[in-house]
Amino acid sequence: MLHADETSARVGTGLWWFHVACTTTLTFLVANRTSGQTAVDEAGVLEHMTGMLIHDRAAMYWNYPANNHGLCVAHLCRALTGIATLRRHTGWAEQLRGVLYDAKRCCDAARHQGDPGP
């Protein structure tokens, strides 16, 4: 399983993008002046991906040949927090966020008991 993400930061006077790909034991981090798929391709990691790729739903990640794609729970919960600020969506968004947190707690407990999961 590989997790991928990107974030921006100021480097000198310019805006750069930091792209990360990590497992539970290894982290690959690269800086690039751009944020899109070209920058990720230049990093040279994701096109070799054969397992599950966990990401934030950015369109570029769906273009990589991972066997499976999973969505990052932290990113989903952040989106649900924003949706919950709209009164007509507060109830279901908060309930779904609770379901995601409960699922994470169950997975964490299973891993703690020795079940490696998928």
C-alpha atoms as a PDB file:
ATOM      1  CA  MET A   1       0.000   0.000   0.000  1.00  0.00           C
ATOM      2  CA  LEU A   2       1.314   3.410  -0.975  1.00  0.00           C
ATOM      3  CA  HIS A   3       0.002   6.791   0.158  1.00  0.00           C
ATOM      4  CA  ALA A   4       0.458   9.799  -2.148  1.00  0.00           C
ATOM      5  CA  ASP A   5      -0.177  13.487  -1.557  1.00  0.00           C
ATOM      6  CA  GLU A   6       1.073  16.940  -2.438  1.00  0.00           C
ATOM      7  CA  THR A   7       1.215  20.331  -0.746  1.00  0.00           C
ATOM      8  CA  SER A   8       2.596  23.745  -1.586  1.00  0.00           C
ATOM      9  CA  ALA A   9       5.114  25.895   0.266  1.00  0.00           C
ATOM     10  CA  ARG A  10       7.156  29.014  -0.365  1.00  0.00           C
ATOM     11  CA  VAL A  11      10.743  28.377  -1.408  1.00  0.00           C
ATOM     12  CA  GLY A  12      12.617  31.658  -1.657  1.00  0.00           C
ATOM     13  CA  THR A  13      10.201  33.958  -3.465  1.00  0.00           C
ATOM     14  CA  GLY A  14       8.399  31.223  -5.395  1.00  0.00           C
ATOM     15  CA  LEU A  15       5.701  28.671  -4.744  1.00  0.00           C
ATOM     16  CA  TRP A  16       6.879  25.061  -4.974  1.00  0.00           C
ATOM     17  CA  TRP A  17       5.027  21.786  -4.581  1.00  0.00           C
ATOM     18  CA  PHE A  18       6.147  18.941  -2.377  1.00  0.00           C
ATOM     19  CA  HIS A  19       5.040  15.513  -3.548  1.00  0.00           C
ATOM     20  CA  VAL A  20       5.166  12.559  -1.178  1.00  0.00           C
ATOM     21  CA  ALA A  21       4.767   8.816  -1.618  1.00  0.00           C
ATOM     22  CA  CYS A  22       5.044   6.715   1.519  1.00  0.00           C
ATOM     23  CA  THR A  23       4.505   3.307   3.041  1.00  0.00           C
ATOM     24  CA  THR A  24       4.475   2.462   6.736  1.00  0.00           C
ATOM     25  CA  THR A  25       8.284   2.295   6.694  1.00  0.00           C
ATOM     26  CA  LEU A  26       9.524   4.451   3.782  1.00  0.00           C
ATOM     27  CA  THR A  27       8.917   8.027   2.639  1.00  0.00           C
ATOM     28  CA  PHE A  28       9.836   9.579  -0.711  1.00  0.00           C
ATOM     29  CA  LEU A  29       9.598  13.371  -0.855  1.00  0.00           C
ATOM     30  CA  VAL A  30      10.425  15.553  -3.844  1.00  0.00           C
ATOM     31  CA  ALA A  31      10.020  19.282  -4.530  1.00  0.00           C
ATOM     32  CA  ASN A  32       8.877  20.562  -7.908  1.00  0.00           C
ATOM     33  CA  ARG A  33       7.786  23.909  -9.290  1.00  0.00           C
ATOM     34  CA  THR A  34       4.507  22.367 -10.485  1.00  0.00           C
ATOM     35  CA  SER A  35       1.694  20.454  -8.842  1.00  0.00           C
ATOM     36  CA  GLY A  36       0.229  18.259 -11.569  1.00  0.00           C
ATOM     37  CA  GLN A  37       0.767  14.873 -13.080  1.00  0.00           C
ATOM     38  CA  THR A  38       3.889  15.967 -14.955  1.00  0.00           C
ATOM     39  CA  ALA A  39       5.617  16.660 -11.643  1.00  0.00           C
ATOM     40  CA  VAL A  40       4.487  13.321 -10.218  1.00  0.00           C
ATOM     41  CA  ASP A  41       5.672  11.538 -13.373  1.00  0.00           C
ATOM     42  CA  GLU A  42       9.066  13.237 -13.072  1.00  0.00           C
ATOM     43  CA  ALA A  43       9.361  11.854  -9.527  1.00  0.00           C
ATOM     44  CA  GLY A  44       9.218   8.392 -11.107  1.00  0.00           C
ATOM     45  CA  VAL A  45       7.389   6.440  -8.396  1.00  0.00           C
ATOM     46  CA  LEU A  46       3.678   6.075  -9.093  1.00  0.00           C
ATOM     47  CA  GLU A  47       3.899   4.704 -12.635  1.00  0.00           C
ATOM     48  CA  HIS A  48       5.516   1.600 -11.107  1.00  0.00           C
ATOM     49  CA  MET A  49       2.776   1.180  -8.516  1.00  0.00           C
ATOM     50  CA  THR A  50       1.196  -2.290  -8.459  1.00  0.00           C
ATOM     51  CA  GLY A  51      -0.557  -2.387  -5.074  1.00  0.00           C
ATOM     52  CA  MET A  52      -3.167  -0.154  -3.501  1.00  0.00           C
ATOM     53  CA  LEU A  53      -2.749   3.600  -3.916  1.00  0.00           C
ATOM     54  CA  ILE A  54      -4.314   5.806  -1.225  1.00  0.00           C
ATOM     55  CA  HIS A  55      -4.835   9.428  -2.253  1.00  0.00           C
ATOM     56  CA  ASP A  56      -6.933  12.568  -1.890  1.00  0.00           C
ATOM     57  CA  ARG A  57      -9.135  12.182  -5.008  1.00  0.00           C
ATOM     58  CA  ALA A  58      -6.965  14.481  -7.143  1.00  0.00           C
ATOM     59  CA  ALA A  59      -7.728  13.588 -10.767  1.00  0.00           C
ATOM     60  CA  MET A  60      -4.114  12.778 -11.643  1.00  0.00           C
ATOM     61  CA  TYR A  61      -3.913   9.871  -9.184  1.00  0.00           C
ATOM     62  CA  TRP A  62      -6.628   7.913 -11.012  1.00  0.00           C
ATOM     63  CA  ASN A  63      -4.302   7.762 -14.062  1.00  0.00           C
ATOM     64  CA  TYR A  64      -1.775   5.483 -12.361  1.00  0.00           C
ATOM     65  CA  PRO A  65      -1.933   1.683 -12.797  1.00  0.00           C
ATOM     66  CA  ALA A  66      -2.472   0.727  -9.165  1.00  0.00           C
ATOM     67  CA  ASN A  67      -4.417  -2.493  -8.632  1.00  0.00           C
ATOM     68  CA  ASN A  68      -6.795  -0.602  -6.347  1.00  0.00           C
ATOM     69  CA  HIS A  69      -7.363   2.982  -5.343  1.00  0.00           C
ATOM     70  CA  GLY A  70      -8.412   4.053  -1.860  1.00  0.00           C
ATOM     71  CA  LEU A  71      -9.402   7.475  -0.624  1.00  0.00           C
ATOM     72  CA  CYS A  72      -7.627   9.099   2.304  1.00  0.00           C
ATOM     73  CA  VAL A  73      -9.966   9.244   5.298  1.00  0.00           C
ATOM     74  CA  ALA A  74      -8.344  12.454   6.588  1.00  0.00           C
ATOM     75  CA  HIS A  75      -9.062  14.200   3.281  1.00  0.00           C
ATOM     76  CA  LEU A  76     -12.634  12.869   3.189  1.00  0.00           C
ATOM     77  CA  CYS A  77     -13.267  14.015   6.773  1.00  0.00           C
ATOM     78  CA  ARG A  78     -11.866  17.463   5.966  1.00  0.00           C
ATOM     79  CA  ALA A  79     -14.264  17.714   3.017  1.00  0.00           C
ATOM     80  CA  LEU A  80     -17.173  16.558   5.193  1.00  0.00           C
ATOM     81  CA  THR A  81     -16.311  19.189   7.804  1.00  0.00           C
ATOM     82  CA  GLY A  82     -16.638  21.838   5.110  1.00  0.00           C
ATOM     83  CA  ILE A  83     -19.909  20.374   3.823  1.00  0.00           C
ATOM     84  CA  ALA A  84     -21.287  20.268   7.378  1.00  0.00           C
ATOM     85  CA  THR A  85     -21.055  24.066   7.581  1.00  0.00           C
ATOM     86  CA  LEU A  86     -24.038  24.204   5.216  1.00  0.00           C
ATOM     87  CA  ARG A  87     -27.066  23.839   7.474  1.00  0.00           C
ATOM     88  CA  ARG A  88     -29.039  21.545   5.161  1.00  0.00           C
ATOM     89  CA  HIS A  89     -26.081  19.135   4.955  1.00  0.00           C
ATOM     90  CA  THR A  90     -24.892  19.212   8.571  1.00  0.00           C
ATOM     91  CA  GLY A  91     -26.671  16.050   9.737  1.00  0.00           C
ATOM     92  CA  TRP A  92     -25.639  13.582   7.075  1.00  0.00           C
ATOM     93  CA  ALA A  93     -22.109  15.011   6.728  1.00  0.00           C
ATOM     94  CA  GLU A  94     -21.451  14.690  10.464  1.00  0.00           C
ATOM     95  CA  GLN A  95     -22.943  11.171  10.513  1.00  0.00           C
ATOM     96  CA  LEU A  96     -20.784  10.042   7.606  1.00  0.00           C
ATOM     97  CA  ARG A  97     -17.698  11.555   9.222  1.00  0.00           C
ATOM     98  CA  GLY A  98     -18.539   9.533  12.355  1.00  0.00           C
ATOM     99  CA  VAL A  99     -18.862   6.342  10.296  1.00  0.00           C
ATOM    100  CA  LEU A 100     -15.427   6.966   8.760  1.00  0.00           C
ATOM    101  CA  TYR A 101     -13.848   7.578  12.172  1.00  0.00           C
ATOM    102  CA  ASP A 102     -15.491   4.410  13.539  1.00  0.00           C
ATOM    103  CA  ALA A 103     -14.194   2.374  10.577  1.00  0.00           C
ATOM    104  CA  LYS A 104     -10.692   3.731  11.147  1.00  0.00           C
ATOM    105  CA  ARG A 105     -10.837   2.827  14.839  1.00  0.00           C
ATOM    106  CA  CYS A 106     -11.943  -0.726  13.946  1.00  0.00           C
ATOM    107  CA  CYS A 107      -9.120  -1.091  11.394  1.00  0.00           C
ATOM    108  CA  ASP A 108      -6.573   0.258  13.854  1.00  0.00           C
ATOM    109  CA  ALA A 109      -7.789  -2.217  16.513  1.00  0.00           C
ATOM    110  CA  ALA A 110      -7.580  -5.123  14.055  1.00  0.00           C
ATOM    111  CA  ARG A 111      -4.033  -4.162  13.046  1.00  0.00           C
ATOM    112  CA  HIS A 112      -3.078  -3.880  16.715  1.00  0.00           C
ATOM    113  CA  GLN A 113      -4.273  -7.478  17.168  1.00  0.00           C
ATOM    114  CA  GLY A 114      -2.106  -8.656  14.275  1.00  0.00           C
ATOM    115  CA  ASP A 115      -4.472  -8.482  11.281  1.00  0.00           C
ATOM    116  CA  PRO A 116      -2.475  -6.742   8.516  1.00  0.00           C
ATOM    117  CA  GLY A 117      -5.599  -5.989   6.495  1.00  0.00           C
ATOM    118  CA  PRO A 118      -5.632  -5.776   2.680  1.00  0.00           C
END
